[in-house]
Amino acid sequence: MSNVTLTLLTDEDRERFILENQRAFRYGATEEFGNRDDRPEEDGEIISRKTIERSIDSGVAYCIREDGRFAGGVVLQIDGKTQHNCLVLLFILPEAHSKGIGYAAWREVERLYPDTVVWGTCTPYFEKRNIHFYINKCGFHAVEFFHRFHPDPHDPETGERNAHDEEDGFDGMFRFEKQMK
């Protein structure tokens, strides 16, 4: 097994982190749906630059490295008071899939934050690979399914009240939790 480590995101790695994150999300959607011209985010990506930048700027971001080489990234939101922490983004480069890198990175996250009471995260309904990873590999449990008839009451980016209509392209997200203590 290769050596998987997390290193804090630096300014030098930021642009690559953003572009590779978009590529990884685009790869997952293309695997499920094929090539599509209608992307839900404003810049034609599955996940927008603005969303990634906002996540990085409001959380703690790490590069995932395999034997020192960039292999993906993770963004966390850590609540020092409640220790109800959130995995905001996790991606592995498509060419590095199925090598145990994501699981090793997640184990390192758990090691770095031993006081966590609960980890939370979300993933789109169509990301079967992610759903398998979170439930079967990492021990999360699906606790809620957001869709247009049951929207997330607060937008994770703005905290504002959410409302989805039939035209906005919102198909659904699973919310997961992992009880640690």
C-alpha atoms as a PDB file:
ATOM      1  CA  MET A   1       0.000   0.000   0.000  1.00  0.00           C
ATOM      2  CA  SER A   2       1.217   3.473  -0.838  1.00  0.00           C
ATOM      3  CA  ASN A   3       1.753   6.207   1.722  1.00  0.00           C
ATOM      4  CA  VAL A   4      -1.274   8.545   1.868  1.00  0.00           C
ATOM      5  CA  THR A   5      -0.894  11.855   3.693  1.00  0.00           C
ATOM      6  CA  LEU A   6      -2.790  15.114   4.116  1.00  0.00           C
ATOM      7  CA  THR A   7      -1.017  18.448   3.754  1.00  0.00           C
ATOM      8  CA  LEU A   8      -2.641  21.800   4.401  1.00  0.00           C
ATOM      9  CA  LEU A   9      -3.623  23.535   1.175  1.00  0.00           C
ATOM     10  CA  THR A  10      -1.139  26.248   0.215  1.00  0.00           C
ATOM     11  CA  ASP A  11      -1.623  29.211  -2.086  1.00  0.00           C
ATOM     12  CA  GLU A  12       0.610  27.437  -4.611  1.00  0.00           C
ATOM     13  CA  ASP A  13      -1.716  24.392  -4.681  1.00  0.00           C
ATOM     14  CA  ARG A  14      -5.018  26.297  -4.618  1.00  0.00           C
ATOM     15  CA  GLU A  15      -5.606  26.581  -8.383  1.00  0.00           C
ATOM     16  CA  ARG A  16      -4.778  22.925  -9.005  1.00  0.00           C
ATOM     17  CA  PHE A  17      -7.027  21.928  -6.085  1.00  0.00           C
ATOM     18  CA  ILE A  18      -9.959  23.831  -7.620  1.00  0.00           C
ATOM     19  CA  LEU A  19      -9.461  22.556 -11.174  1.00  0.00           C
ATOM     20  CA  GLU A  20      -8.887  18.936 -10.123  1.00  0.00           C
ATOM     21  CA  ASN A  21     -11.936  19.078  -7.839  1.00  0.00           C
ATOM     22  CA  GLN A  22     -14.056  20.200 -10.782  1.00  0.00           C
ATOM     23  CA  ARG A  23     -12.558  17.486 -12.982  1.00  0.00           C
ATOM     24  CA  ALA A  24     -13.291  14.783 -10.397  1.00  0.00           C
ATOM     25  CA  PHE A  25     -16.924  15.907  -9.994  1.00  0.00           C
ATOM     26  CA  ARG A  26     -17.337  16.175 -13.768  1.00  0.00           C
ATOM     27  CA  TYR A  27     -15.921  12.652 -14.141  1.00  0.00           C
ATOM     28  CA  GLY A  28     -18.481  11.239 -11.670  1.00  0.00           C
ATOM     29  CA  ALA A  29     -21.407  12.900 -13.414  1.00  0.00           C
ATOM     30  CA  THR A  30     -20.161  11.863 -16.862  1.00  0.00           C
ATOM     31  CA  GLU A  31     -19.800   8.254 -15.686  1.00  0.00           C
ATOM     32  CA  GLU A  32     -23.439   8.311 -14.575  1.00  0.00           C
ATOM     33  CA  PHE A  33     -25.103  10.437 -17.241  1.00  0.00           C
ATOM     34  CA  GLY A  34     -22.685  10.664 -20.181  1.00  0.00           C
ATOM     35  CA  ASN A  35     -21.702  14.004 -21.670  1.00  0.00           C
ATOM     36  CA  ARG A  36     -24.259  16.739 -21.071  1.00  0.00           C
ATOM     37  CA  ASP A  37     -24.357  20.343 -22.124  1.00  0.00           C
ATOM     38  CA  ASP A  38     -26.660  21.475 -19.318  1.00  0.00           C
ATOM     39  CA  ARG A  39     -24.573  21.846 -16.155  1.00  0.00           C
ATOM     40  CA  PRO A  40     -26.337  22.931 -12.973  1.00  0.00           C
ATOM     41  CA  GLU A  41     -23.706  25.437 -11.826  1.00  0.00           C
ATOM     42  CA  GLU A  42     -23.224  28.878 -13.331  1.00  0.00           C
ATOM     43  CA  ASP A  43     -19.842  28.258 -14.960  1.00  0.00           C
ATOM     44  CA  GLY A  44     -20.857  25.032 -16.694  1.00  0.00           C
ATOM     45  CA  GLU A  45     -19.293  22.773 -14.048  1.00  0.00           C
ATOM     46  CA  ILE A  46     -20.905  20.226 -11.768  1.00  0.00           C
ATOM     47  CA  ILE A  47     -19.389  22.189  -8.893  1.00  0.00           C
ATOM     48  CA  SER A  48     -18.593  25.845  -9.468  1.00  0.00           C
ATOM     49  CA  ARG A  49     -15.319  27.595  -8.750  1.00  0.00           C
ATOM     50  CA  LYS A  50     -17.273  29.916  -6.446  1.00  0.00           C
ATOM     51  CA  THR A  51     -18.610  26.972  -4.428  1.00  0.00           C
ATOM     52  CA  ILE A  52     -15.161  25.423  -4.071  1.00  0.00           C
ATOM     53  CA  GLU A  53     -13.520  28.730  -3.161  1.00  0.00           C
ATOM     54  CA  ARG A  54     -16.206  29.491  -0.587  1.00  0.00           C
ATOM     55  CA  SER A  55     -15.697  26.027   0.941  1.00  0.00           C
ATOM     56  CA  ILE A  56     -11.919  26.454   1.101  1.00  0.00           C
ATOM     57  CA  ASP A  57     -12.160  29.961   2.551  1.00  0.00           C
ATOM     58  CA  SER A  58     -14.646  28.977   5.267  1.00  0.00           C
ATOM     59  CA  GLY A  59     -13.055  25.668   6.226  1.00  0.00           C
ATOM     60  CA  VAL A  60      -9.808  23.755   6.533  1.00  0.00           C
ATOM     61  CA  ALA A  61      -8.500  22.389   3.234  1.00  0.00           C
ATOM     62  CA  TYR A  62      -5.966  19.623   2.707  1.00  0.00           C
ATOM     63  CA  CYS A  63      -4.296  18.137  -0.345  1.00  0.00           C
ATOM     64  CA  ILE A  64      -4.388  14.355  -0.378  1.00  0.00           C
ATOM     65  CA  ARG A  65      -1.017  13.004  -1.419  1.00  0.00           C
ATOM     66  CA  GLU A  66      -0.057   9.486  -2.404  1.00  0.00           C
ATOM     67  CA  ASP A  67       3.678   8.923  -2.014  1.00  0.00           C
ATOM     68  CA  GLY A  68       4.094  12.709  -2.120  1.00  0.00           C
ATOM     69  CA  ARG A  69       2.113  13.184  -5.365  1.00  0.00           C
ATOM     70  CA  PHE A  70      -1.156  15.125  -5.499  1.00  0.00           C
ATOM     71  CA  ALA A  71      -4.041  12.620  -5.532  1.00  0.00           C
ATOM     72  CA  GLY A  72      -7.051  14.656  -4.382  1.00  0.00           C
ATOM     73  CA  GLY A  73      -8.320  16.967  -1.695  1.00  0.00           C
ATOM     74  CA  VAL A  74     -10.580  17.387   1.278  1.00  0.00           C
ATOM     75  CA  VAL A  75     -12.282  20.392   2.874  1.00  0.00           C
ATOM     76  CA  LEU A  76     -13.605  20.255   6.426  1.00  0.00           C
ATOM     77  CA  GLN A  77     -15.611  22.562   8.650  1.00  0.00           C
ATOM     78  CA  ILE A  78     -14.611  22.104  12.257  1.00  0.00           C
ATOM     79  CA  ASP A  79     -16.841  23.372  15.063  1.00  0.00           C
ATOM     80  CA  GLY A  80     -14.480  23.684  18.018  1.00  0.00           C
ATOM     81  CA  LYS A  81     -17.368  24.161  20.444  1.00  0.00           C
ATOM     82  CA  THR A  82     -19.777  21.324  19.556  1.00  0.00           C
ATOM     83  CA  GLN A  83     -17.359  19.053  17.657  1.00  0.00           C
ATOM     84  CA  HIS A  84     -20.175  18.362  15.179  1.00  0.00           C
ATOM     85  CA  ASN A  85     -17.876  18.590  12.174  1.00  0.00           C
ATOM     86  CA  CYS A  86     -18.560  18.469   8.470  1.00  0.00           C
ATOM     87  CA  LEU A  87     -16.832  16.877   5.525  1.00  0.00           C
ATOM     88  CA  VAL A  88     -17.596  19.541   2.917  1.00  0.00           C
ATOM     89  CA  LEU A  89     -15.627  18.186  -0.051  1.00  0.00           C
ATOM     90  CA  LEU A  90     -13.647  15.031  -0.717  1.00  0.00           C
ATOM     91  CA  PHE A  91     -12.307  14.138  -4.121  1.00  0.00           C
ATOM     92  CA  ILE A  92      -9.786  11.724  -5.547  1.00  0.00           C
ATOM     93  CA  LEU A  93      -8.321  12.123  -9.021  1.00  0.00           C
ATOM     94  CA  PRO A  94     -10.172   9.747 -11.376  1.00  0.00           C
ATOM     95  CA  GLU A  95      -6.959   7.962 -12.339  1.00  0.00           C
ATOM     96  CA  ALA A  96      -6.330   7.231  -8.631  1.00  0.00           C
ATOM     97  CA  HIS A  97      -9.735   5.630  -7.923  1.00  0.00           C
ATOM     98  CA  SER A  98     -10.020   2.154  -6.390  1.00  0.00           C
ATOM     99  CA  LYS A  99      -6.587   2.212  -4.775  1.00  0.00           C
ATOM    100  CA  GLY A 100      -7.696   2.835  -1.184  1.00  0.00           C
ATOM    101  CA  ILE A 101      -6.509   6.454  -1.260  1.00  0.00           C
ATOM    102  CA  GLY A 102      -9.862   7.978  -0.279  1.00  0.00           C
ATOM    103  CA  TYR A 103     -10.295   5.588   2.635  1.00  0.00           C
ATOM    104  CA  ALA A 104      -6.730   6.164   3.850  1.00  0.00           C
ATOM    105  CA  ALA A 105      -7.308   9.929   3.617  1.00  0.00           C
ATOM    106  CA  TRP A 106     -10.551   9.639   5.584  1.00  0.00           C
ATOM    107  CA  ARG A 107      -8.801   7.602   8.300  1.00  0.00           C
ATOM    108  CA  GLU A 108      -6.198  10.378   8.510  1.00  0.00           C
ATOM    109  CA  VAL A 109      -8.978  12.989   8.900  1.00  0.00           C
ATOM    110  CA  GLU A 110     -10.426  10.975  11.784  1.00  0.00           C
ATOM    111  CA  ARG A 111      -6.970  10.729  13.359  1.00  0.00           C
ATOM    112  CA  LEU A 112      -6.407  14.499  13.044  1.00  0.00           C
ATOM    113  CA  TYR A 113      -9.747  15.328  14.700  1.00  0.00           C
ATOM    114  CA  PRO A 114     -10.129  12.808  17.560  1.00  0.00           C
ATOM    115  CA  ASP A 115     -12.504  15.040  19.543  1.00  0.00           C
ATOM    116  CA  THR A 116     -15.188  14.905  16.843  1.00  0.00           C
ATOM    117  CA  VAL A 117     -18.560  13.809  18.208  1.00  0.00           C
ATOM    118  CA  VAL A 118     -20.345  13.577  14.848  1.00  0.00           C
ATOM    119  CA  TRP A 119     -19.143  13.872  11.263  1.00  0.00           C
ATOM    120  CA  GLY A 120     -21.660  14.975   8.667  1.00  0.00           C
ATOM    121  CA  THR A 121     -21.545  15.129   4.881  1.00  0.00           C
ATOM    122  CA  CYS A 122     -23.775  15.126   1.787  1.00  0.00           C
ATOM    123  CA  THR A 123     -23.507  13.618  -1.670  1.00  0.00           C
ATOM    124  CA  PRO A 124     -25.729  13.705  -4.769  1.00  0.00           C
ATOM    125  CA  TYR A 125     -28.222  10.865  -5.162  1.00  0.00           C
ATOM    126  CA  PHE A 126     -26.542   9.604  -8.353  1.00  0.00           C
ATOM    127  CA  GLU A 127     -23.046   9.218  -6.873  1.00  0.00           C
ATOM    128  CA  LYS A 128     -23.313   5.493  -6.149  1.00  0.00           C
ATOM    129  CA  ARG A 129     -19.553   5.294  -5.723  1.00  0.00           C
ATOM    130  CA  ASN A 130     -19.699   7.969  -2.983  1.00  0.00           C
ATOM    131  CA  ILE A 131     -22.708   6.397  -1.281  1.00  0.00           C
ATOM    132  CA  HIS A 132     -20.893   3.045  -1.164  1.00  0.00           C
ATOM    133  CA  PHE A 133     -17.750   4.742   0.148  1.00  0.00           C
ATOM    134  CA  TYR A 134     -19.454   6.659   2.953  1.00  0.00           C
ATOM    135  CA  ILE A 135     -21.725   3.835   4.134  1.00  0.00           C
ATOM    136  CA  ASN A 136     -19.799   0.630   3.441  1.00  0.00           C
ATOM    137  CA  LYS A 137     -16.223   1.833   3.867  1.00  0.00           C
ATOM    138  CA  CYS A 138     -16.302   4.742   6.316  1.00  0.00           C
ATOM    139  CA  GLY A 139     -19.239   3.805   8.550  1.00  0.00           C
ATOM    140  CA  PHE A 140     -21.569   6.731   7.873  1.00  0.00           C
ATOM    141  CA  HIS A 141     -25.350   6.309   7.949  1.00  0.00           C
ATOM    142  CA  ALA A 142     -27.820   7.968   5.595  1.00  0.00           C
ATOM    143  CA  VAL A 143     -29.990  10.165   7.803  1.00  0.00           C
ATOM    144  CA  GLU A 144     -31.902  12.324   5.341  1.00  0.00           C
ATOM    145  CA  PHE A 145     -32.686  12.707   1.663  1.00  0.00           C
ATOM    146  CA  PHE A 146     -33.137  16.225   0.340  1.00  0.00           C
ATOM    147  CA  HIS A 147     -35.191  16.721  -2.822  1.00  0.00           C
ATOM    148  CA  ARG A 148     -37.707  19.217  -4.118  1.00  0.00           C
ATOM    149  CA  PHE A 149     -40.450  17.899  -1.791  1.00  0.00           C
ATOM    150  CA  HIS A 150     -38.063  17.874   1.182  1.00  0.00           C
ATOM    151  CA  PRO A 151     -35.451  20.612   0.618  1.00  0.00           C
ATOM    152  CA  ASP A 152     -32.510  21.218   2.905  1.00  0.00           C
ATOM    153  CA  PRO A 153     -33.971  23.882   5.203  1.00  0.00           C
ATOM    154  CA  HIS A 154     -30.799  25.957   4.978  1.00  0.00           C
ATOM    155  CA  ASP A 155     -28.471  26.364   2.054  1.00  0.00           C
ATOM    156  CA  PRO A 156     -25.102  24.975   3.199  1.00  0.00           C
ATOM    157  CA  GLU A 157     -23.303  27.863   1.504  1.00  0.00           C
ATOM    158  CA  THR A 158     -25.360  30.847   2.600  1.00  0.00           C
ATOM    159  CA  GLY A 159     -27.366  29.608   5.584  1.00  0.00           C
ATOM    160  CA  GLU A 160     -30.433  31.117   3.911  1.00  0.00           C
ATOM    161  CA  ARG A 161     -33.757  29.357   3.671  1.00  0.00           C
ATOM    162  CA  ASN A 162     -33.853  26.966   0.709  1.00  0.00           C
ATOM    163  CA  ALA A 163     -36.637  26.336  -1.768  1.00  0.00           C
ATOM    164  CA  HIS A 164     -36.424  24.161  -4.864  1.00  0.00           C
ATOM    165  CA  ASP A 165     -38.789  24.247  -7.768  1.00  0.00           C
ATOM    166  CA  GLU A 166     -39.178  21.871 -10.687  1.00  0.00           C
ATOM    167  CA  GLU A 167     -37.115  24.024 -13.042  1.00  0.00           C
ATOM    168  CA  ASP A 168     -33.972  24.430 -10.937  1.00  0.00           C
ATOM    169  CA  GLY A 169     -32.491  21.022 -11.821  1.00  0.00           C
ATOM    170  CA  PHE A 170     -32.241  19.871  -8.201  1.00  0.00           C
ATOM    171  CA  ASP A 171     -32.555  16.090  -8.106  1.00  0.00           C
ATOM    172  CA  GLY A 172     -31.578  15.209  -4.565  1.00  0.00           C
ATOM    173  CA  MET A 173     -28.827  14.815  -2.021  1.00  0.00           C
ATOM    174  CA  PHE A 174     -28.254  12.261   0.699  1.00  0.00           C
ATOM    175  CA  ARG A 175     -27.143  13.575   4.093  1.00  0.00           C
ATOM    176  CA  PHE A 176     -24.915  11.243   6.084  1.00  0.00           C
ATOM    177  CA  GLU A 177     -23.695  11.205   9.670  1.00  0.00           C
ATOM    178  CA  LYS A 178     -21.085   9.204  11.497  1.00  0.00           C
ATOM    179  CA  GLN A 179     -21.396   9.106  15.276  1.00  0.00           C
ATOM    180  CA  MET A 180     -17.932   9.054  16.825  1.00  0.00           C
ATOM    181  CA  LYS A 181     -18.675   9.383  20.559  1.00  0.00           C
END
